[in-house]
Amino acid sequence: MATTMWSRRQFLATSAATAIGPLQSAATPLIDAHVHVWKHDAAFPFALGANPPAEDASVEQLLDLMHANNVLRTVIIQVIHYKWDNSYLASVLKRYPRTFQGVCRVNPQDPAAPDHLSRLIEVDGFHGVRLSPSASPSYDWIRGPLMPPLWRRCSQLKVPMTILAPITRMPDLALLIEKNPDLTIVIDHMADCPIDQPDKLQLLLDLAHYPKVFVKISHLWSLSAQPYPYVDTVPQITTLVEAFGASRLMWATDWPISLTQLSYSKAVALYRDHLDFLSPADHQQILYKTVQRVWPFNVS
C-alpha cells in the first residue's frame, strides 16, 4: 500500500493538532504502543553495569521512522539501560508532549518507589510505570510487602501499570489486581506465552475477567516458528480476541528490540496489513483506539 511521506516539521505539526480519527487507509496515522529510545550522551549516562548497544536508538531516529510509516503517536517505555534514571525519556516527553506518552521505571525494591512514581508522573510528565518480574525466585518481590503501596499509588495517580513478565507470573498479579480494581493493567507481549502451549496461555486468559486488564499482541516475531508474517501466531491472537475483546488489545513494534528480526516498516505492516482475519472494527480498535484509551494523547 502507498504511504504518505511528510517532512518532520509537517509530521510534528500534525501530531500537535490532529485528533485521532477513523482509519481509512494505510496512509492514516497509527499509534504504536511500545518502543524504547536511548542515546549515547554524557548528559544522560547509562546505569552502572549497563551494556547498551553501540548504536543509538534516539528519538530523532524514531521520529523519522514514524513519519515514514504514518505512525502519528507512540508510547515510549523506559529502557533498562538507564535502569531507574528516567531523565533521557523525561527530556523527550518535554520536547514532544503531543507526540509521545512515556512509561517510567521505578525500583520495585525501594520503599520510596511510590513517592518516586508520584514525582515522575506529576513533575516529569510520565503516564504509567513498568514492572518486570522475571520467573526467577530473586524476582519474588512481586509477591512482597512493597507491592501493595506501589500499586495503590499508581491507582491513585490514575495511570496504567505495565507488566513485562513471563506467563508463569500471571497468577501473582491476580491478588494485586483485585485489591486495585480501578487500576489499568497492561500485559506486555502476550506474557511471552509459547504459541504451542495453550495450557499456559490459560494463565493469561484467567485475567480477562478483570475489566481493566489489557494485553499487547506484540513479539509475534519471537514467538513464531515460521517466517514473516508469522501465521502460526494467529490462533493465539484469535483466542485473546475472544477472551478480552479487541477493545482491550493493542499492537506494538517494540522498536528497536525487534530489529534483530524485522525492520520497523515491516513491524508496522505486520499489524496494518496482516490482521485481515479481524473484522474492520476490531482491526481499528487494535491499531489505535485501545492505546488511545489507555494512554490518552493530548490532541487539543
C-alpha atoms as a PDB file:
ATOM      1  CA  MET A   1       0.000   0.000   0.000  1.00  0.00           C
ATOM      2  CA  ALA A   2       1.107   3.566  -0.659  1.00  0.00           C
ATOM      3  CA  THR A   3       2.197   5.735   2.235  1.00  0.00           C
ATOM      4  CA  THR A   4       2.211   9.496   2.616  1.00  0.00           C
ATOM      5  CA  MET A   5       5.678  10.983   3.180  1.00  0.00           C
ATOM      6  CA  TRP A   6       5.844  14.056   5.396  1.00  0.00           C
ATOM      7  CA  SER A   7       8.669  16.313   6.444  1.00  0.00           C
ATOM      8  CA  ARG A   8       9.477  16.126  10.144  1.00  0.00           C
ATOM      9  CA  ARG A   9       8.074  19.645  10.583  1.00  0.00           C
ATOM     10  CA  GLN A  10       4.782  18.650   8.915  1.00  0.00           C
ATOM     11  CA  PHE A  11       4.675  15.469  10.955  1.00  0.00           C
ATOM     12  CA  LEU A  12       5.142  17.239  14.283  1.00  0.00           C
ATOM     13  CA  ALA A  13       2.641  19.927  13.360  1.00  0.00           C
ATOM     14  CA  THR A  14       0.065  17.268  12.519  1.00  0.00           C
ATOM     15  CA  SER A  15       0.881  15.389  15.704  1.00  0.00           C
ATOM     16  CA  ALA A  16       0.232  18.515  17.754  1.00  0.00           C
ATOM     17  CA  ALA A  17      -3.004  19.492  16.087  1.00  0.00           C
ATOM     18  CA  THR A  18      -4.814  16.479  14.636  1.00  0.00           C
ATOM     19  CA  ALA A  19      -7.233  14.332  16.581  1.00  0.00           C
ATOM     20  CA  ILE A  20      -7.265  10.573  16.068  1.00  0.00           C
ATOM     21  CA  GLY A  21      -9.998   9.718  13.572  1.00  0.00           C
ATOM     22  CA  PRO A  22     -11.233   6.534  11.869  1.00  0.00           C
ATOM     23  CA  LEU A  23      -8.656   4.640   9.855  1.00  0.00           C
ATOM     24  CA  GLN A  24      -9.391   4.893   6.155  1.00  0.00           C
ATOM     25  CA  SER A  25      -6.176   3.535   4.599  1.00  0.00           C
ATOM     26  CA  ALA A  26      -2.553   2.725   5.262  1.00  0.00           C
ATOM     27  CA  ALA A  27      -1.890   6.469   4.953  1.00  0.00           C
ATOM     28  CA  THR A  28      -3.910   7.170   8.091  1.00  0.00           C
ATOM     29  CA  PRO A  29      -1.622   7.619  11.117  1.00  0.00           C
ATOM     30  CA  LEU A  30      -1.421   4.840  13.708  1.00  0.00           C
ATOM     31  CA  ILE A  31      -0.421   4.644  17.380  1.00  0.00           C
ATOM     32  CA  ASP A  32       2.466   2.357  18.377  1.00  0.00           C
ATOM     33  CA  ALA A  33       2.010   1.119  21.941  1.00  0.00           C
ATOM     34  CA  HIS A  34       5.596   0.139  22.730  1.00  0.00           C
ATOM     35  CA  VAL A  35       9.071   1.316  21.723  1.00  0.00           C
ATOM     36  CA  HIS A  36      12.324   2.209  23.513  1.00  0.00           C
ATOM     37  CA  VAL A  37      14.771   5.062  22.995  1.00  0.00           C
ATOM     38  CA  TRP A  38      18.313   5.711  24.177  1.00  0.00           C
ATOM     39  CA  LYS A  39      21.271   7.824  23.177  1.00  0.00           C
ATOM     40  CA  HIS A  40      24.992   7.835  23.968  1.00  0.00           C
ATOM     41  CA  ASP A  41      25.105  11.251  25.590  1.00  0.00           C
ATOM     42  CA  ALA A  42      27.172  12.328  28.589  1.00  0.00           C
ATOM     43  CA  ALA A  43      24.202  14.374  29.782  1.00  0.00           C
ATOM     44  CA  PHE A  44      22.214  11.151  30.192  1.00  0.00           C
ATOM     45  CA  PRO A  45      24.610   8.449  31.426  1.00  0.00           C
ATOM     46  CA  PHE A  46      23.659   4.810  31.317  1.00  0.00           C
ATOM     47  CA  ALA A  47      23.294   2.864  34.562  1.00  0.00           C
ATOM     48  CA  LEU A  48      26.383   1.392  36.193  1.00  0.00           C
ATOM     49  CA  GLY A  49      26.994  -2.033  34.692  1.00  0.00           C
ATOM     50  CA  ALA A  50      24.642  -1.469  31.745  1.00  0.00           C
ATOM     51  CA  ASN A  51      25.692  -2.839  28.365  1.00  0.00           C
ATOM     52  CA  PRO A  52      23.748  -0.814  25.800  1.00  0.00           C
ATOM     53  CA  PRO A  53      24.264  -1.395  22.074  1.00  0.00           C
ATOM     54  CA  ALA A  54      26.902   0.739  20.401  1.00  0.00           C
ATOM     55  CA  GLU A  55      24.232   2.183  18.122  1.00  0.00           C
ATOM     56  CA  ASP A  56      21.827   4.841  19.325  1.00  0.00           C
ATOM     57  CA  ALA A  57      18.083   4.435  19.203  1.00  0.00           C
ATOM     58  CA  SER A  58      17.383   8.121  19.573  1.00  0.00           C
ATOM     59  CA  VAL A  59      14.107   9.955  19.485  1.00  0.00           C
ATOM     60  CA  GLU A  60      15.248  11.660  16.271  1.00  0.00           C
ATOM     61  CA  GLN A  61      15.626   8.268  14.579  1.00  0.00           C
ATOM     62  CA  LEU A  62      12.239   7.219  15.880  1.00  0.00           C
ATOM     63  CA  LEU A  63      10.550  10.352  14.564  1.00  0.00           C
ATOM     64  CA  ASP A  64      11.952   9.722  11.095  1.00  0.00           C
ATOM     65  CA  LEU A  65      10.659   6.152  11.127  1.00  0.00           C
ATOM     66  CA  MET A  66       7.276   7.229  12.428  1.00  0.00           C
ATOM     67  CA  HIS A  67       6.602   9.832   9.776  1.00  0.00           C
ATOM     68  CA  ALA A  68       7.827   7.464   7.033  1.00  0.00           C
ATOM     69  CA  ASN A  69       5.261   4.875   8.182  1.00  0.00           C
ATOM     70  CA  ASN A  70       2.341   7.103   9.171  1.00  0.00           C
ATOM     71  CA  VAL A  71       2.651   6.358  12.877  1.00  0.00           C
ATOM     72  CA  LEU A  72       1.439   9.598  14.406  1.00  0.00           C
ATOM     73  CA  ARG A  73       1.884   8.864  18.096  1.00  0.00           C
ATOM     74  CA  THR A  74       3.887   6.408  20.163  1.00  0.00           C
ATOM     75  CA  VAL A  75       4.192   5.163  23.725  1.00  0.00           C
ATOM     76  CA  ILE A  76       7.833   5.006  24.826  1.00  0.00           C
ATOM     77  CA  ILE A  77       8.823   2.554  27.557  1.00  0.00           C
ATOM     78  CA  GLN A  78      11.828   3.444  29.732  1.00  0.00           C
ATOM     79  CA  VAL A  79      14.673   1.215  28.590  1.00  0.00           C
ATOM     80  CA  ILE A  80      16.613  -0.881  31.090  1.00  0.00           C
ATOM     81  CA  HIS A  81      19.962   0.652  30.028  1.00  0.00           C
ATOM     82  CA  TYR A  82      19.200   3.639  32.282  1.00  0.00           C
ATOM     83  CA  LYS A  83      17.626   1.487  34.984  1.00  0.00           C
ATOM     84  CA  TRP A  84      15.765   3.854  37.372  1.00  0.00           C
ATOM     85  CA  ASP A  85      17.103   7.098  35.876  1.00  0.00           C
ATOM     86  CA  ASN A  86      14.308   8.287  33.607  1.00  0.00           C
ATOM     87  CA  SER A  87      15.990  11.572  32.652  1.00  0.00           C
ATOM     88  CA  TYR A  88      16.519  10.958  28.947  1.00  0.00           C
ATOM     89  CA  LEU A  89      12.938   9.884  28.366  1.00  0.00           C
ATOM     90  CA  ALA A  90      11.706  12.795  30.505  1.00  0.00           C
ATOM     91  CA  SER A  91      13.589  15.166  28.193  1.00  0.00           C
ATOM     92  CA  VAL A  92      11.912  13.543  25.184  1.00  0.00           C
ATOM     93  CA  LEU A  93       8.468  13.981  26.713  1.00  0.00           C
ATOM     94  CA  LYS A  94       9.196  17.624  27.446  1.00  0.00           C
ATOM     95  CA  ARG A  95      10.187  18.269  23.823  1.00  0.00           C
ATOM     96  CA  TYR A  96       7.341  16.311  22.208  1.00  0.00           C
ATOM     97  CA  PRO A  97       4.409  16.274  24.652  1.00  0.00           C
ATOM     98  CA  ARG A  98       1.761  15.595  21.995  1.00  0.00           C
ATOM     99  CA  THR A  99       3.711  13.008  20.044  1.00  0.00           C
ATOM    100  CA  PHE A 100       4.749  10.681  22.875  1.00  0.00           C
ATOM    101  CA  GLN A 101       3.498   9.226  26.107  1.00  0.00           C
ATOM    102  CA  GLY A 102       6.144   7.838  28.451  1.00  0.00           C
ATOM    103  CA  VAL A 103       6.162   4.873  30.815  1.00  0.00           C
ATOM    104  CA  CYS A 104       8.772   5.143  33.566  1.00  0.00           C
ATOM    105  CA  ARG A 105      10.582   2.615  35.722  1.00  0.00           C
ATOM    106  CA  VAL A 106      10.974   2.726  39.484  1.00  0.00           C
ATOM    107  CA  ASN A 107      12.920   0.379  41.727  1.00  0.00           C
ATOM    108  CA  PRO A 108      10.340  -2.141  42.994  1.00  0.00           C
ATOM    109  CA  GLN A 109      12.573  -2.993  45.959  1.00  0.00           C
ATOM    110  CA  ASP A 110      12.821   0.596  47.178  1.00  0.00           C
ATOM    111  CA  PRO A 111      10.272   1.576  49.870  1.00  0.00           C
ATOM    112  CA  ALA A 112      10.339   5.112  48.424  1.00  0.00           C
ATOM    113  CA  ALA A 113       9.192   3.873  44.991  1.00  0.00           C
ATOM    114  CA  PRO A 114       5.619   5.232  45.385  1.00  0.00           C
ATOM    115  CA  ASP A 115       6.948   8.739  46.004  1.00  0.00           C
ATOM    116  CA  HIS A 116       9.384   8.426  43.102  1.00  0.00           C
ATOM    117  CA  LEU A 117       6.455   7.424  40.916  1.00  0.00           C
ATOM    118  CA  SER A 118       4.420  10.439  42.025  1.00  0.00           C
ATOM    119  CA  ARG A 119       7.245  12.795  41.058  1.00  0.00           C
ATOM    120  CA  LEU A 120       7.739  11.122  37.669  1.00  0.00           C
ATOM    121  CA  ILE A 121       4.025  11.407  36.890  1.00  0.00           C
ATOM    122  CA  GLU A 122       3.250  14.816  38.364  1.00  0.00           C
ATOM    123  CA  VAL A 123       6.502  16.644  37.583  1.00  0.00           C
ATOM    124  CA  ASP A 124       8.178  14.856  34.680  1.00  0.00           C
ATOM    125  CA  GLY A 125       5.089  14.112  32.628  1.00  0.00           C
ATOM    126  CA  PHE A 126       5.106  10.324  32.550  1.00  0.00           C
ATOM    127  CA  HIS A 127       1.883   8.387  32.182  1.00  0.00           C
ATOM    128  CA  GLY A 128       2.432   4.982  33.721  1.00  0.00           C
ATOM    129  CA  VAL A 129       5.083   2.718  35.188  1.00  0.00           C
ATOM    130  CA  ARG A 130       6.553  -0.622  34.145  1.00  0.00           C
ATOM    131  CA  LEU A 131       7.491  -3.537  36.397  1.00  0.00           C
ATOM    132  CA  SER A 132       9.475  -6.521  35.137  1.00  0.00           C
ATOM    133  CA  PRO A 133       9.306  -9.543  37.456  1.00  0.00           C
ATOM    134  CA  SER A 134      11.063 -12.469  35.802  1.00  0.00           C
ATOM    135  CA  ALA A 135      10.400 -16.129  36.586  1.00  0.00           C
ATOM    136  CA  SER A 136      13.464 -16.270  38.849  1.00  0.00           C
ATOM    137  CA  PRO A 137      12.883 -16.586  42.620  1.00  0.00           C
ATOM    138  CA  SER A 138      15.021 -13.467  43.018  1.00  0.00           C
ATOM    139  CA  TYR A 139      12.110 -11.553  41.485  1.00  0.00           C
ATOM    140  CA  ASP A 140       9.596 -12.727  44.060  1.00  0.00           C
ATOM    141  CA  TRP A 141       9.344  -9.097  45.163  1.00  0.00           C
ATOM    142  CA  ILE A 142       6.164  -9.114  43.045  1.00  0.00           C
ATOM    143  CA  ARG A 143       4.639 -11.070  45.941  1.00  0.00           C
ATOM    144  CA  GLY A 144       6.286  -8.966  48.646  1.00  0.00           C
ATOM    145  CA  PRO A 145       5.188  -6.194  51.018  1.00  0.00           C
ATOM    146  CA  LEU A 146       6.412  -3.325  48.827  1.00  0.00           C
ATOM    147  CA  MET A 147       3.978  -4.069  46.025  1.00  0.00           C
ATOM    148  CA  PRO A 148       0.621  -3.067  47.606  1.00  0.00           C
ATOM    149  CA  PRO A 149       1.657   0.554  48.330  1.00  0.00           C
ATOM    150  CA  LEU A 150       3.225   0.958  44.880  1.00  0.00           C
ATOM    151  CA  TRP A 151       0.160  -0.421  43.090  1.00  0.00           C
ATOM    152  CA  ARG A 152      -2.140   1.663  45.292  1.00  0.00           C
ATOM    153  CA  ARG A 153      -0.185   4.833  44.461  1.00  0.00           C
ATOM    154  CA  CYS A 154      -0.350   4.004  40.767  1.00  0.00           C
ATOM    155  CA  SER A 155      -4.109   3.623  41.068  1.00  0.00           C
ATOM    156  CA  GLN A 156      -4.402   6.933  42.941  1.00  0.00           C
ATOM    157  CA  LEU A 157      -2.391   8.654  40.207  1.00  0.00           C
ATOM    158  CA  LYS A 158      -4.786   7.178  37.612  1.00  0.00           C
ATOM    159  CA  VAL A 159      -2.033   5.918  35.303  1.00  0.00           C
ATOM    160  CA  PRO A 160      -1.561   2.395  33.919  1.00  0.00           C
ATOM    161  CA  MET A 161       0.675  -0.283  35.379  1.00  0.00           C
ATOM    162  CA  THR A 162       2.570  -2.092  32.608  1.00  0.00           C
ATOM    163  CA  ILE A 163       3.882  -5.579  33.336  1.00  0.00           C
ATOM    164  CA  LEU A 164       6.686  -7.356  31.496  1.00  0.00           C
ATOM    165  CA  ALA A 165       6.635 -10.881  32.865  1.00  0.00           C
ATOM    166  CA  PRO A 166       6.580 -14.490  31.681  1.00  0.00           C
ATOM    167  CA  ILE A 167       3.291 -16.329  31.539  1.00  0.00           C
ATOM    168  CA  THR A 168       4.109 -18.183  34.778  1.00  0.00           C
ATOM    169  CA  ARG A 169       3.930 -14.899  36.705  1.00  0.00           C
ATOM    170  CA  MET A 170       0.332 -14.115  35.739  1.00  0.00           C
ATOM    171  CA  PRO A 171      -1.206 -15.741  38.851  1.00  0.00           C
ATOM    172  CA  ASP A 172       0.950 -13.480  41.042  1.00  0.00           C
ATOM    173  CA  LEU A 173      -0.828 -10.456  39.602  1.00  0.00           C
ATOM    174  CA  ALA A 174      -4.366 -11.515  40.440  1.00  0.00           C
ATOM    175  CA  LEU A 175      -4.375 -10.521  44.123  1.00  0.00           C
ATOM    176  CA  LEU A 176      -2.842  -7.120  43.357  1.00  0.00           C
ATOM    177  CA  ILE A 177      -5.396  -6.554  40.611  1.00  0.00           C
ATOM    178  CA  GLU A 178      -8.264  -7.493  42.909  1.00  0.00           C
ATOM    179  CA  LYS A 179      -7.069  -5.012  45.530  1.00  0.00           C
ATOM    180  CA  ASN A 180      -6.856  -2.240  42.915  1.00  0.00           C
ATOM    181  CA  PRO A 181      -9.974  -2.673  40.774  1.00  0.00           C
ATOM    182  CA  ASP A 182      -9.722   0.822  39.258  1.00  0.00           C
ATOM    183  CA  LEU A 183      -6.100   0.404  38.153  1.00  0.00           C
ATOM    184  CA  THR A 184      -5.454  -0.189  34.454  1.00  0.00           C
ATOM    185  CA  ILE A 185      -3.029  -3.085  33.877  1.00  0.00           C
ATOM    186  CA  VAL A 186      -1.243  -3.695  30.560  1.00  0.00           C
ATOM    187  CA  ILE A 187       0.449  -7.048  29.943  1.00  0.00           C
ATOM    188  CA  ASP A 188       3.370  -6.804  27.536  1.00  0.00           C
ATOM    189  CA  HIS A 189       3.925  -9.183  24.599  1.00  0.00           C
ATOM    190  CA  MET A 190       1.124 -11.645  25.444  1.00  0.00           C
ATOM    191  CA  ALA A 191       3.212 -12.556  28.519  1.00  0.00           C
ATOM    192  CA  ASP A 192       5.624 -14.179  26.039  1.00  0.00           C
ATOM    193  CA  CYS A 193       3.482 -17.307  26.132  1.00  0.00           C
ATOM    194  CA  PRO A 194       4.703 -20.030  23.749  1.00  0.00           C
ATOM    195  CA  ILE A 195       2.122 -20.357  20.995  1.00  0.00           C
ATOM    196  CA  ASP A 196       2.104 -24.157  21.213  1.00  0.00           C
ATOM    197  CA  GLN A 197       1.241 -24.248  24.929  1.00  0.00           C
ATOM    198  CA  PRO A 198      -2.443 -23.288  25.268  1.00  0.00           C
ATOM    199  CA  ASP A 199      -2.480 -24.669  28.809  1.00  0.00           C
ATOM    200  CA  LYS A 200      -0.032 -21.944  29.816  1.00  0.00           C
ATOM    201  CA  LEU A 201      -1.966 -19.304  27.866  1.00  0.00           C
ATOM    202  CA  GLN A 202      -4.868 -20.020  30.201  1.00  0.00           C
ATOM    203  CA  LEU A 203      -2.916 -18.224  32.949  1.00  0.00           C
ATOM    204  CA  LEU A 204      -3.262 -15.034  30.922  1.00  0.00           C
ATOM    205  CA  LEU A 205      -6.829 -15.763  29.867  1.00  0.00           C
ATOM    206  CA  ASP A 206      -7.744 -16.077  33.547  1.00  0.00           C
ATOM    207  CA  LEU A 207      -7.086 -12.338  33.879  1.00  0.00           C
ATOM    208  CA  ALA A 208      -9.677 -11.485  31.225  1.00  0.00           C
ATOM    209  CA  HIS A 209     -12.487 -11.299  33.762  1.00  0.00           C
ATOM    210  CA  TYR A 210     -10.787  -8.253  35.293  1.00  0.00           C
ATOM    211  CA  PRO A 211     -12.158  -5.481  33.056  1.00  0.00           C
ATOM    212  CA  LYS A 212      -9.135  -3.175  33.465  1.00  0.00           C
ATOM    213  CA  VAL A 213      -6.568  -5.683  32.163  1.00  0.00           C
ATOM    214  CA  PHE A 214      -5.229  -5.039  28.643  1.00  0.00           C
ATOM    215  CA  VAL A 215      -2.785  -7.040  26.501  1.00  0.00           C
ATOM    216  CA  LYS A 216      -0.226  -6.126  23.838  1.00  0.00           C
ATOM    217  CA  ILE A 217      -0.296  -8.644  20.978  1.00  0.00           C
ATOM    218  CA  SER A 218       3.366  -7.928  20.286  1.00  0.00           C
ATOM    219  CA  HIS A 219       6.536 -10.027  19.878  1.00  0.00           C
ATOM    220  CA  LEU A 220       4.991 -12.218  17.184  1.00  0.00           C
ATOM    221  CA  TRP A 221       8.472 -12.440  15.697  1.00  0.00           C
ATOM    222  CA  SER A 222       9.911 -14.006  18.859  1.00  0.00           C
ATOM    223  CA  LEU A 223       7.023 -16.426  19.473  1.00  0.00           C
ATOM    224  CA  SER A 224       6.599 -17.736  15.940  1.00  0.00           C
ATOM    225  CA  ALA A 225       8.325 -20.768  14.420  1.00  0.00           C
ATOM    226  CA  GLN A 226       7.501 -19.524  10.916  1.00  0.00           C
ATOM    227  CA  PRO A 227       8.784 -16.680   8.737  1.00  0.00           C
ATOM    228  CA  TYR A 228       7.096 -13.295   8.424  1.00  0.00           C
ATOM    229  CA  PRO A 229       4.140 -12.675   8.713  1.00  0.00           C
ATOM    230  CA  TYR A 230       4.128 -15.363  11.444  1.00  0.00           C
ATOM    231  CA  VAL A 231       0.847 -17.026  10.545  1.00  0.00           C
ATOM    232  CA  ASP A 232       1.228 -19.614  13.304  1.00  0.00           C
ATOM    233  CA  THR A 233       0.542 -16.887  15.897  1.00  0.00           C
ATOM    234  CA  VAL A 234      -2.974 -16.260  14.550  1.00  0.00           C
ATOM    235  CA  PRO A 235      -4.722 -18.871  16.783  1.00  0.00           C
ATOM    236  CA  GLN A 236      -3.237 -17.295  19.909  1.00  0.00           C
ATOM    237  CA  ILE A 237      -4.281 -13.804  18.831  1.00  0.00           C
ATOM    238  CA  THR A 238      -7.763 -15.081  17.981  1.00  0.00           C
ATOM    239  CA  THR A 239      -8.053 -16.692  21.413  1.00  0.00           C
ATOM    240  CA  LEU A 240      -7.085 -13.420  23.072  1.00  0.00           C
ATOM    241  CA  VAL A 241      -9.630 -11.504  20.991  1.00  0.00           C
ATOM    242  CA  GLU A 242     -12.309 -13.950  22.094  1.00  0.00           C
ATOM    243  CA  ALA A 243     -11.318 -13.654  25.767  1.00  0.00           C
ATOM    244  CA  PHE A 244     -10.509  -9.957  26.130  1.00  0.00           C
ATOM    245  CA  GLY A 245     -12.238  -8.425  23.131  1.00  0.00           C
ATOM    246  CA  ALA A 246     -10.372  -6.197  20.687  1.00  0.00           C
ATOM    247  CA  SER A 247     -11.166  -3.219  22.916  1.00  0.00           C
ATOM    248  CA  ARG A 248      -8.528  -4.491  25.363  1.00  0.00           C
ATOM    249  CA  LEU A 249      -5.838  -5.459  22.854  1.00  0.00           C
ATOM    250  CA  MET A 250      -3.198  -3.288  21.167  1.00  0.00           C
ATOM    251  CA  TRP A 251      -0.319  -3.732  18.750  1.00  0.00           C
ATOM    252  CA  ALA A 252       3.298  -2.599  19.122  1.00  0.00           C
ATOM    253  CA  THR A 253       6.584  -2.731  17.227  1.00  0.00           C
ATOM    254  CA  ASP A 254       8.940  -2.929  20.234  1.00  0.00           C
ATOM    255  CA  TRP A 255      11.473  -0.970  18.177  1.00  0.00           C
ATOM    256  CA  PRO A 256      14.472  -1.232  18.226  1.00  0.00           C
ATOM    257  CA  ILE A 257      14.465  -4.607  20.011  1.00  0.00           C
ATOM    258  CA  SER A 258      12.562  -6.020  17.038  1.00  0.00           C
ATOM    259  CA  LEU A 259      15.334  -5.051  14.604  1.00  0.00           C
ATOM    260  CA  THR A 260      17.014  -8.391  15.202  1.00  0.00           C
ATOM    261  CA  GLN A 261      14.149  -9.941  13.233  1.00  0.00           C
ATOM    262  CA  LEU A 262      12.451  -7.284  11.098  1.00  0.00           C
ATOM    263  CA  SER A 263      12.565  -3.620  10.198  1.00  0.00           C
ATOM    264  CA  TYR A 264      10.327  -1.013  11.751  1.00  0.00           C
ATOM    265  CA  SER A 265       8.429  -0.729   8.460  1.00  0.00           C
ATOM    266  CA  LYS A 266       7.766  -4.466   8.352  1.00  0.00           C
ATOM    267  CA  ALA A 267       6.704  -4.421  12.006  1.00  0.00           C
ATOM    268  CA  VAL A 268       4.141  -1.714  11.252  1.00  0.00           C
ATOM    269  CA  ALA A 269       2.976  -3.538   8.114  1.00  0.00           C
ATOM    270  CA  LEU A 270       2.610  -6.756  10.103  1.00  0.00           C
ATOM    271  CA  TYR A 271      -0.269  -5.286  12.086  1.00  0.00           C
ATOM    272  CA  ARG A 272      -1.589  -2.881   9.474  1.00  0.00           C
ATOM    273  CA  ASP A 273      -1.739  -5.374   6.585  1.00  0.00           C
ATOM    274  CA  HIS A 274      -1.728  -8.905   8.034  1.00  0.00           C
ATOM    275  CA  LEU A 275      -4.502  -8.918  10.639  1.00  0.00           C
ATOM    276  CA  ASP A 276      -7.122  -9.446   7.940  1.00  0.00           C
ATOM    277  CA  PHE A 277      -8.703 -12.254   9.970  1.00  0.00           C
ATOM    278  CA  LEU A 278     -10.142  -9.498  12.195  1.00  0.00           C
ATOM    279  CA  SER A 279     -13.266  -7.519  11.461  1.00  0.00           C
ATOM    280  CA  PRO A 280     -12.599  -3.929  10.317  1.00  0.00           C
ATOM    281  CA  ALA A 281     -13.925  -2.625  13.629  1.00  0.00           C
ATOM    282  CA  ASP A 282     -11.686  -4.922  15.676  1.00  0.00           C
ATOM    283  CA  HIS A 283      -8.722  -4.058  13.474  1.00  0.00           C
ATOM    284  CA  GLN A 284      -9.192  -0.333  14.065  1.00  0.00           C
ATOM    285  CA  GLN A 285      -9.573  -0.964  17.770  1.00  0.00           C
ATOM    286  CA  ILE A 286      -6.222  -2.748  17.955  1.00  0.00           C
ATOM    287  CA  LEU A 287      -4.421  -0.307  15.661  1.00  0.00           C
ATOM    288  CA  TYR A 288      -5.220   2.868  17.579  1.00  0.00           C
ATOM    289  CA  LYS A 289      -8.405   3.002  19.638  1.00  0.00           C
ATOM    290  CA  THR A 290      -7.288   0.822  22.541  1.00  0.00           C
ATOM    291  CA  VAL A 291      -3.961   2.553  23.046  1.00  0.00           C
ATOM    292  CA  GLN A 292      -5.640   5.968  22.848  1.00  0.00           C
ATOM    293  CA  ARG A 293      -7.967   4.794  25.614  1.00  0.00           C
ATOM    294  CA  VAL A 294      -5.123   3.598  27.864  1.00  0.00           C
ATOM    295  CA  TRP A 295      -2.694   6.415  27.018  1.00  0.00           C
ATOM    296  CA  PRO A 296      -4.945   9.355  26.094  1.00  0.00           C
ATOM    297  CA  PHE A 297      -2.823  11.636  23.952  1.00  0.00           C
ATOM    298  CA  ASN A 298      -3.468  15.352  24.207  1.00  0.00           C
ATOM    299  CA  VAL A 299      -4.722  16.358  20.772  1.00  0.00           C
ATOM    300  CA  SER A 300      -6.145  19.784  21.647  1.00  0.00           C
END
